Amino acid sequence: SWRYPMYALFVTAAVVGFFTVFQLVTIAAGVPVIIVVTGESMLPALQPYDVIILESAEQINIGDIAVVDYRDKNNLFSNYDFIVHRVTKIWEQDGIQHMQTKGDNVKIPEYAAKTERIMAKVTNSVPIFGVFIWPPVNFLIIAAALIILLYSRGIDQK
Protein backbone atom coordinates (compact mmCIF):
# COMPACT_ATOMS: atom_id res chain seq x y z
CA SER A 1 0.00 0.00 0.00
CA TRP A 2 3.01 2.30 0.52
CA ARG A 3 4.49 1.44 -2.87
CA TYR A 4 2.66 4.07 -4.97
CA PRO A 5 3.20 7.02 -2.61
CA MET A 6 6.89 6.05 -2.40
CA TYR A 7 7.17 5.92 -6.20
CA ALA A 8 5.47 9.33 -6.41
CA LEU A 9 7.95 10.75 -3.88
CA PHE A 10 10.93 9.31 -5.78
CA VAL A 11 9.69 10.66 -9.11
CA THR A 12 9.08 14.05 -7.51
CA ALA A 13 12.55 14.02 -5.93
CA ALA A 14 14.12 13.09 -9.28
CA VAL A 15 12.33 15.95 -11.07
CA VAL A 16 13.17 18.43 -8.31
CA GLY A 17 16.79 17.27 -8.26
CA PHE A 18 17.10 17.57 -12.03
CA PHE A 19 15.72 21.12 -12.15
CA THR A 20 17.77 22.20 -9.12
CA VAL A 21 21.01 20.97 -10.72
CA PHE A 22 19.98 22.29 -14.16
CA GLN A 23 19.37 25.76 -12.74
CA LEU A 24 22.69 25.83 -10.83
CA VAL A 25 24.77 24.54 -13.74
CA THR A 26 23.31 26.95 -16.30
CA ILE A 27 23.67 29.92 -13.92
CA ALA A 28 27.30 29.02 -13.16
CA ALA A 29 28.00 28.67 -16.90
CA GLY A 30 26.63 32.18 -17.44
CA VAL A 31 23.77 31.03 -19.67
CA PRO A 32 20.76 30.57 -17.40
CA VAL A 33 17.73 28.94 -18.96
CA ILE A 34 15.48 29.03 -15.90
CA ILE A 35 15.50 31.19 -12.77
CA VAL A 36 13.17 31.26 -9.77
CA VAL A 37 11.57 34.66 -9.11
CA THR A 38 12.20 35.56 -5.46
CA GLY A 39 10.84 39.07 -5.11
CA GLU A 40 7.65 41.03 -5.64
CA SER A 41 9.01 43.83 -7.83
CA MET A 42 7.40 42.45 -11.01
CA LEU A 43 3.89 41.91 -9.61
CA PRO A 44 1.42 41.25 -11.15
CA ALA A 45 3.30 39.99 -14.25
CA LEU A 46 5.58 37.68 -12.24
CA GLN A 47 4.81 36.24 -8.81
CA PRO A 48 7.30 35.04 -6.19
CA TYR A 49 8.33 31.43 -6.93
CA ASP A 50 7.38 31.58 -10.59
CA VAL A 51 10.01 29.88 -12.71
CA ILE A 52 10.95 32.11 -15.62
CA ILE A 53 12.14 30.66 -18.90
CA LEU A 54 14.88 32.66 -20.59
CA GLU A 55 16.39 33.15 -24.01
CA SER A 56 19.26 35.18 -25.41
CA ALA A 57 19.08 38.94 -24.94
CA GLU A 58 20.43 39.65 -28.43
CA GLN A 59 17.09 41.05 -29.58
CA ILE A 60 15.78 42.94 -26.59
CA ASN A 61 13.34 45.82 -26.89
CA ILE A 62 11.62 48.34 -24.67
CA GLY A 63 8.84 46.49 -22.86
CA ASP A 64 10.70 43.15 -22.68
CA ILE A 65 11.49 41.69 -19.27
CA ALA A 66 15.26 41.38 -18.90
CA VAL A 67 17.56 39.56 -16.48
CA VAL A 68 20.37 41.85 -15.37
CA ASP A 69 23.43 40.17 -13.83
CA TYR A 70 24.75 41.98 -10.75
CA ARG A 71 26.42 38.87 -9.29
CA ASP A 72 29.72 39.00 -7.52
CA LYS A 73 32.03 36.91 -9.71
CA ASN A 74 33.18 35.10 -6.53
CA ASN A 75 29.65 33.89 -5.79
CA LEU A 76 28.21 32.66 -9.08
CA PHE A 77 25.40 30.69 -7.44
CA SER A 78 23.72 33.70 -5.84
CA ASN A 79 20.27 34.01 -7.42
CA TYR A 80 19.63 37.19 -5.42
CA ASP A 81 22.01 39.22 -7.57
CA PHE A 82 19.85 38.91 -10.67
CA ILE A 83 17.41 41.71 -11.28
CA VAL A 84 14.37 40.69 -13.34
CA HIS A 85 12.73 43.89 -14.54
CA ARG A 86 11.14 45.45 -17.59
CA VAL A 87 13.28 47.43 -20.07
CA THR A 88 12.01 51.03 -20.09
CA LYS A 89 14.69 52.82 -22.09
CA ILE A 90 17.59 51.93 -24.44
CA TRP A 91 20.30 54.36 -25.56
CA GLU A 92 23.91 54.57 -26.63
CA GLN A 93 26.56 56.66 -24.88
CA ASP A 94 30.24 56.80 -25.86
CA GLY A 95 29.73 53.80 -28.15
CA ILE A 96 28.30 51.66 -25.32
CA GLN A 97 24.66 50.61 -25.29
CA HIS A 98 22.78 51.08 -22.00
CA MET A 99 19.38 49.95 -20.78
CA GLN A 100 17.18 51.32 -18.04
CA THR A 101 15.04 48.75 -16.25
CA LYS A 102 12.23 49.05 -13.73
CA GLY A 103 10.03 46.60 -11.87
CA ASP A 104 6.33 46.81 -12.68
CA ASN A 105 5.67 47.06 -8.92
CA VAL A 106 8.46 49.62 -8.26
CA LYS A 107 8.17 53.39 -8.51
CA ILE A 108 11.83 54.25 -9.20
CA PRO A 109 13.92 52.64 -11.96
CA GLU A 110 17.35 51.11 -11.26
CA TYR A 111 20.58 52.63 -12.39
CA ALA A 112 21.15 52.07 -16.07
CA ALA A 113 22.94 48.86 -16.93
CA LYS A 114 25.43 48.40 -19.72
CA THR A 115 24.04 45.97 -22.25
CA GLU A 116 26.80 43.49 -21.37
CA ARG A 117 25.12 43.03 -17.97
CA ILE A 118 21.84 41.98 -19.61
CA MET A 119 22.02 38.18 -19.50
CA ALA A 120 18.72 37.14 -20.98
CA LYS A 121 15.14 38.06 -21.62
CA VAL A 122 12.10 36.33 -20.19
CA THR A 123 10.03 34.42 -22.72
CA ASN A 124 7.62 32.57 -20.44
CA SER A 125 6.91 31.60 -16.85
CA VAL A 126 5.67 28.58 -14.94
CA PRO A 127 3.58 29.70 -11.96
CA ILE A 128 4.63 28.58 -8.44
CA PHE A 129 6.89 25.69 -9.63
CA GLY A 130 9.86 27.48 -8.06
CA VAL A 131 8.60 26.51 -4.60
CA PHE A 132 9.76 22.96 -5.35
CA ILE A 133 13.20 23.79 -6.74
CA TRP A 134 14.17 26.57 -4.32
CA PRO A 135 15.86 25.89 -0.97
CA PRO A 136 14.94 24.55 1.51
CA VAL A 137 11.95 22.76 -0.06
CA ASN A 138 14.02 21.14 -2.83
CA PHE A 139 16.50 19.73 -0.30
CA LEU A 140 13.70 18.52 1.98
CA ILE A 141 12.02 16.62 -0.88
CA ILE A 142 15.29 14.99 -1.92
CA ALA A 143 16.26 14.21 1.70
CA ALA A 144 12.83 12.66 2.40
CA ALA A 145 13.18 10.39 -0.62
CA LEU A 146 16.69 9.33 0.42
CA ILE A 147 15.65 8.68 4.03
CA ILE A 148 12.67 6.57 2.95
CA LEU A 149 14.85 4.71 0.47
CA LEU A 150 17.46 3.92 3.13
CA TYR A 151 14.77 2.98 5.67
CA SER A 152 12.96 0.71 3.21
CA ARG A 153 16.26 -0.98 2.26
CA GLY A 154 16.88 -1.66 5.97
CA ILE A 155 13.43 -3.24 6.34
CA ASP A 156 13.99 -5.41 3.24
CA GLN A 157 17.23 -6.81 4.65
CA LYS A 158 15.66 -7.90 7.97
C-alpha atoms as a PDB file:
ATOM      1  CA  SER A   1       0.000   0.000   0.000  1.00  0.00           C
ATOM      2  CA  TRP A   2       3.013   2.303   0.522  1.00  0.00           C
ATOM      3  CA  ARG A   3       4.488   1.439  -2.866  1.00  0.00           C
ATOM      4  CA  TYR A   4       2.660   4.069  -4.969  1.00  0.00           C
ATOM      5  CA  PRO A   5       3.200   7.019  -2.613  1.00  0.00           C
ATOM      6  CA  MET A   6       6.889   6.052  -2.402  1.00  0.00           C
ATOM      7  CA  TYR A   7       7.166   5.919  -6.200  1.00  0.00           C
ATOM      8  CA  ALA A   8       5.471   9.334  -6.413  1.00  0.00           C
ATOM      9  CA  LEU A   9       7.946  10.752  -3.877  1.00  0.00           C
ATOM     10  CA  PHE A  10      10.928   9.312  -5.781  1.00  0.00           C
ATOM     11  CA  VAL A  11       9.693  10.660  -9.111  1.00  0.00           C
ATOM     12  CA  THR A  12       9.077  14.054  -7.508  1.00  0.00           C
ATOM     13  CA  ALA A  13      12.551  14.015  -5.930  1.00  0.00           C
ATOM     14  CA  ALA A  14      14.119  13.093  -9.278  1.00  0.00           C
ATOM     15  CA  VAL A  15      12.330  15.950 -11.075  1.00  0.00           C
ATOM     16  CA  VAL A  16      13.170  18.434  -8.309  1.00  0.00           C
ATOM     17  CA  GLY A  17      16.792  17.266  -8.260  1.00  0.00           C
ATOM     18  CA  PHE A  18      17.098  17.573 -12.031  1.00  0.00           C
ATOM     19  CA  PHE A  19      15.725  21.124 -12.155  1.00  0.00           C
ATOM     20  CA  THR A  20      17.771  22.202  -9.122  1.00  0.00           C
ATOM     21  CA  VAL A  21      21.010  20.969 -10.718  1.00  0.00           C
ATOM     22  CA  PHE A  22      19.977  22.285 -14.158  1.00  0.00           C
ATOM     23  CA  GLN A  23      19.367  25.763 -12.737  1.00  0.00           C
ATOM     24  CA  LEU A  24      22.687  25.835 -10.831  1.00  0.00           C
ATOM     25  CA  VAL A  25      24.767  24.541 -13.742  1.00  0.00           C
ATOM     26  CA  THR A  26      23.306  26.947 -16.302  1.00  0.00           C
ATOM     27  CA  ILE A  27      23.668  29.921 -13.923  1.00  0.00           C
ATOM     28  CA  ALA A  28      27.299  29.015 -13.161  1.00  0.00           C
ATOM     29  CA  ALA A  29      28.001  28.674 -16.895  1.00  0.00           C
ATOM     30  CA  GLY A  30      26.626  32.183 -17.436  1.00  0.00           C
ATOM     31  CA  VAL A  31      23.767  31.032 -19.672  1.00  0.00           C
ATOM     32  CA  PRO A  32      20.758  30.575 -17.397  1.00  0.00           C
ATOM     33  CA  VAL A  33      17.725  28.941 -18.960  1.00  0.00           C
ATOM     34  CA  ILE A  34      15.478  29.033 -15.903  1.00  0.00           C
ATOM     35  CA  ILE A  35      15.500  31.194 -12.768  1.00  0.00           C
ATOM     36  CA  VAL A  36      13.169  31.260  -9.771  1.00  0.00           C
ATOM     37  CA  VAL A  37      11.574  34.657  -9.105  1.00  0.00           C
ATOM     38  CA  THR A  38      12.201  35.555  -5.461  1.00  0.00           C
ATOM     39  CA  GLY A  39      10.842  39.075  -5.110  1.00  0.00           C
ATOM     40  CA  GLU A  40       7.652  41.031  -5.643  1.00  0.00           C
ATOM     41  CA  SER A  41       9.013  43.830  -7.830  1.00  0.00           C
ATOM     42  CA  MET A  42       7.402  42.451 -11.008  1.00  0.00           C
ATOM     43  CA  LEU A  43       3.892  41.915  -9.609  1.00  0.00           C
ATOM     44  CA  PRO A  44       1.422  41.255 -11.150  1.00  0.00           C
ATOM     45  CA  ALA A  45       3.304  39.985 -14.251  1.00  0.00           C
ATOM     46  CA  LEU A  46       5.583  37.677 -12.238  1.00  0.00           C
ATOM     47  CA  GLN A  47       4.806  36.239  -8.815  1.00  0.00           C
ATOM     48  CA  PRO A  48       7.297  35.038  -6.191  1.00  0.00           C
ATOM     49  CA  TYR A  49       8.327  31.428  -6.927  1.00  0.00           C
ATOM     50  CA  ASP A  50       7.376  31.583 -10.589  1.00  0.00           C
ATOM     51  CA  VAL A  51      10.012  29.878 -12.707  1.00  0.00           C
ATOM     52  CA  ILE A  52      10.948  32.109 -15.618  1.00  0.00           C
ATOM     53  CA  ILE A  53      12.142  30.663 -18.897  1.00  0.00           C
ATOM     54  CA  LEU A  54      14.880  32.661 -20.586  1.00  0.00           C
ATOM     55  CA  GLU A  55      16.394  33.155 -24.014  1.00  0.00           C
ATOM     56  CA  SER A  56      19.261  35.180 -25.411  1.00  0.00           C
ATOM     57  CA  ALA A  57      19.082  38.941 -24.940  1.00  0.00           C
ATOM     58  CA  GLU A  58      20.432  39.648 -28.432  1.00  0.00           C
ATOM     59  CA  GLN A  59      17.090  41.046 -29.583  1.00  0.00           C
ATOM     60  CA  ILE A  60      15.778  42.943 -26.587  1.00  0.00           C
ATOM     61  CA  ASN A  61      13.336  45.815 -26.887  1.00  0.00           C
ATOM     62  CA  ILE A  62      11.622  48.336 -24.668  1.00  0.00           C
ATOM     63  CA  GLY A  63       8.838  46.486 -22.857  1.00  0.00           C
ATOM     64  CA  ASP A  64      10.701  43.153 -22.683  1.00  0.00           C
ATOM     65  CA  ILE A  65      11.491  41.687 -19.267  1.00  0.00           C
ATOM     66  CA  ALA A  66      15.265  41.380 -18.901  1.00  0.00           C
ATOM     67  CA  VAL A  67      17.557  39.556 -16.477  1.00  0.00           C
ATOM     68  CA  VAL A  68      20.369  41.847 -15.366  1.00  0.00           C
ATOM     69  CA  ASP A  69      23.430  40.175 -13.831  1.00  0.00           C
ATOM     70  CA  TYR A  70      24.752  41.981 -10.747  1.00  0.00           C
ATOM     71  CA  ARG A  71      26.422  38.871  -9.291  1.00  0.00           C
ATOM     72  CA  ASP A  72      29.716  39.004  -7.517  1.00  0.00           C
ATOM     73  CA  LYS A  73      32.027  36.915  -9.706  1.00  0.00           C
ATOM     74  CA  ASN A  74      33.178  35.103  -6.527  1.00  0.00           C
ATOM     75  CA  ASN A  75      29.652  33.890  -5.785  1.00  0.00           C
ATOM     76  CA  LEU A  76      28.213  32.659  -9.080  1.00  0.00           C
ATOM     77  CA  PHE A  77      25.402  30.692  -7.442  1.00  0.00           C
ATOM     78  CA  SER A  78      23.719  33.698  -5.844  1.00  0.00           C
ATOM     79  CA  ASN A  79      20.266  34.008  -7.415  1.00  0.00           C
ATOM     80  CA  TYR A  80      19.635  37.193  -5.422  1.00  0.00           C
ATOM     81  CA  ASP A  81      22.006  39.220  -7.574  1.00  0.00           C
ATOM     82  CA  PHE A  82      19.852  38.913 -10.670  1.00  0.00           C
ATOM     83  CA  ILE A  83      17.406  41.712 -11.278  1.00  0.00           C
ATOM     84  CA  VAL A  84      14.370  40.686 -13.341  1.00  0.00           C
ATOM     85  CA  HIS A  85      12.729  43.894 -14.544  1.00  0.00           C
ATOM     86  CA  ARG A  86      11.145  45.449 -17.594  1.00  0.00           C
ATOM     87  CA  VAL A  87      13.281  47.434 -20.065  1.00  0.00           C
ATOM     88  CA  THR A  88      12.011  51.028 -20.091  1.00  0.00           C
ATOM     89  CA  LYS A  89      14.695  52.822 -22.091  1.00  0.00           C
ATOM     90  CA  ILE A  90      17.594  51.934 -24.441  1.00  0.00           C
ATOM     91  CA  TRP A  91      20.300  54.358 -25.558  1.00  0.00           C
ATOM     92  CA  GLU A  92      23.911  54.571 -26.625  1.00  0.00           C
ATOM     93  CA  GLN A  93      26.561  56.665 -24.884  1.00  0.00           C
ATOM     94  CA  ASP A  94      30.235  56.798 -25.860  1.00  0.00           C
ATOM     95  CA  GLY A  95      29.729  53.804 -28.147  1.00  0.00           C
ATOM     96  CA  ILE A  96      28.295  51.659 -25.323  1.00  0.00           C
ATOM     97  CA  GLN A  97      24.657  50.609 -25.291  1.00  0.00           C
ATOM     98  CA  HIS A  98      22.775  51.080 -22.003  1.00  0.00           C
ATOM     99  CA  MET A  99      19.376  49.945 -20.784  1.00  0.00           C
ATOM    100  CA  GLN A 100      17.181  51.324 -18.038  1.00  0.00           C
ATOM    101  CA  THR A 101      15.038  48.746 -16.248  1.00  0.00           C
ATOM    102  CA  LYS A 102      12.234  49.048 -13.727  1.00  0.00           C
ATOM    103  CA  GLY A 103      10.030  46.597 -11.870  1.00  0.00           C
ATOM    104  CA  ASP A 104       6.328  46.811 -12.683  1.00  0.00           C
ATOM    105  CA  ASN A 105       5.669  47.064  -8.920  1.00  0.00           C
ATOM    106  CA  VAL A 106       8.463  49.615  -8.260  1.00  0.00           C
ATOM    107  CA  LYS A 107       8.169  53.391  -8.506  1.00  0.00           C
ATOM    108  CA  ILE A 108      11.827  54.245  -9.197  1.00  0.00           C
ATOM    109  CA  PRO A 109      13.923  52.635 -11.963  1.00  0.00           C
ATOM    110  CA  GLU A 110      17.353  51.111 -11.258  1.00  0.00           C
ATOM    111  CA  TYR A 111      20.585  52.633 -12.386  1.00  0.00           C
ATOM    112  CA  ALA A 112      21.147  52.070 -16.067  1.00  0.00           C
ATOM    113  CA  ALA A 113      22.937  48.856 -16.934  1.00  0.00           C
ATOM    114  CA  LYS A 114      25.434  48.402 -19.718  1.00  0.00           C
ATOM    115  CA  THR A 115      24.040  45.971 -22.252  1.00  0.00           C
ATOM    116  CA  GLU A 116      26.804  43.488 -21.371  1.00  0.00           C
ATOM    117  CA  ARG A 117      25.124  43.028 -17.968  1.00  0.00           C
ATOM    118  CA  ILE A 118      21.840  41.984 -19.608  1.00  0.00           C
ATOM    119  CA  MET A 119      22.022  38.178 -19.501  1.00  0.00           C
ATOM    120  CA  ALA A 120      18.723  37.144 -20.985  1.00  0.00           C
ATOM    121  CA  LYS A 121      15.144  38.056 -21.618  1.00  0.00           C
ATOM    122  CA  VAL A 122      12.101  36.332 -20.193  1.00  0.00           C
ATOM    123  CA  THR A 123      10.032  34.418 -22.720  1.00  0.00           C
ATOM    124  CA  ASN A 124       7.618  32.567 -20.442  1.00  0.00           C
ATOM    125  CA  SER A 125       6.915  31.598 -16.852  1.00  0.00           C
ATOM    126  CA  VAL A 126       5.665  28.580 -14.942  1.00  0.00           C
ATOM    127  CA  PRO A 127       3.582  29.699 -11.963  1.00  0.00           C
ATOM    128  CA  ILE A 128       4.627  28.582  -8.445  1.00  0.00           C
ATOM    129  CA  PHE A 129       6.892  25.687  -9.628  1.00  0.00           C
ATOM    130  CA  GLY A 130       9.861  27.476  -8.059  1.00  0.00           C
ATOM    131  CA  VAL A 131       8.602  26.505  -4.596  1.00  0.00           C
ATOM    132  CA  PHE A 132       9.757  22.956  -5.347  1.00  0.00           C
ATOM    133  CA  ILE A 133      13.205  23.792  -6.745  1.00  0.00           C
ATOM    134  CA  TRP A 134      14.168  26.572  -4.316  1.00  0.00           C
ATOM    135  CA  PRO A 135      15.862  25.887  -0.966  1.00  0.00           C
ATOM    136  CA  PRO A 136      14.938  24.552   1.511  1.00  0.00           C
ATOM    137  CA  VAL A 137      11.954  22.760  -0.058  1.00  0.00           C
ATOM    138  CA  ASN A 138      14.025  21.142  -2.829  1.00  0.00           C
ATOM    139  CA  PHE A 139      16.496  19.730  -0.303  1.00  0.00           C
ATOM    140  CA  LEU A 140      13.700  18.517   1.985  1.00  0.00           C
ATOM    141  CA  ILE A 141      12.017  16.616  -0.875  1.00  0.00           C
ATOM    142  CA  ILE A 142      15.294  14.991  -1.925  1.00  0.00           C
ATOM    143  CA  ALA A 143      16.256  14.206   1.697  1.00  0.00           C
ATOM    144  CA  ALA A 144      12.829  12.656   2.405  1.00  0.00           C
ATOM    145  CA  ALA A 145      13.175  10.394  -0.625  1.00  0.00           C
ATOM    146  CA  LEU A 146      16.687   9.327   0.421  1.00  0.00           C
ATOM    147  CA  ILE A 147      15.651   8.675   4.034  1.00  0.00           C
ATOM    148  CA  ILE A 148      12.666   6.575   2.948  1.00  0.00           C
ATOM    149  CA  LEU A 149      14.853   4.706   0.467  1.00  0.00           C
ATOM    150  CA  LEU A 150      17.460   3.918   3.129  1.00  0.00           C
ATOM    151  CA  TYR A 151      14.771   2.985   5.667  1.00  0.00           C
ATOM    152  CA  SER A 152      12.965   0.705   3.208  1.00  0.00           C
ATOM    153  CA  ARG A 153      16.258  -0.984   2.263  1.00  0.00           C
ATOM    154  CA  GLY A 154      16.880  -1.662   5.965  1.00  0.00           C
ATOM    155  CA  ILE A 155      13.426  -3.235   6.336  1.00  0.00           C
ATOM    156  CA  ASP A 156      13.990  -5.409   3.236  1.00  0.00           C
ATOM    157  CA  GLN A 157      17.228  -6.805   4.648  1.00  0.00           C
ATOM    158  CA  LYS A 158      15.656  -7.904   7.968  1.00  0.00           C
END
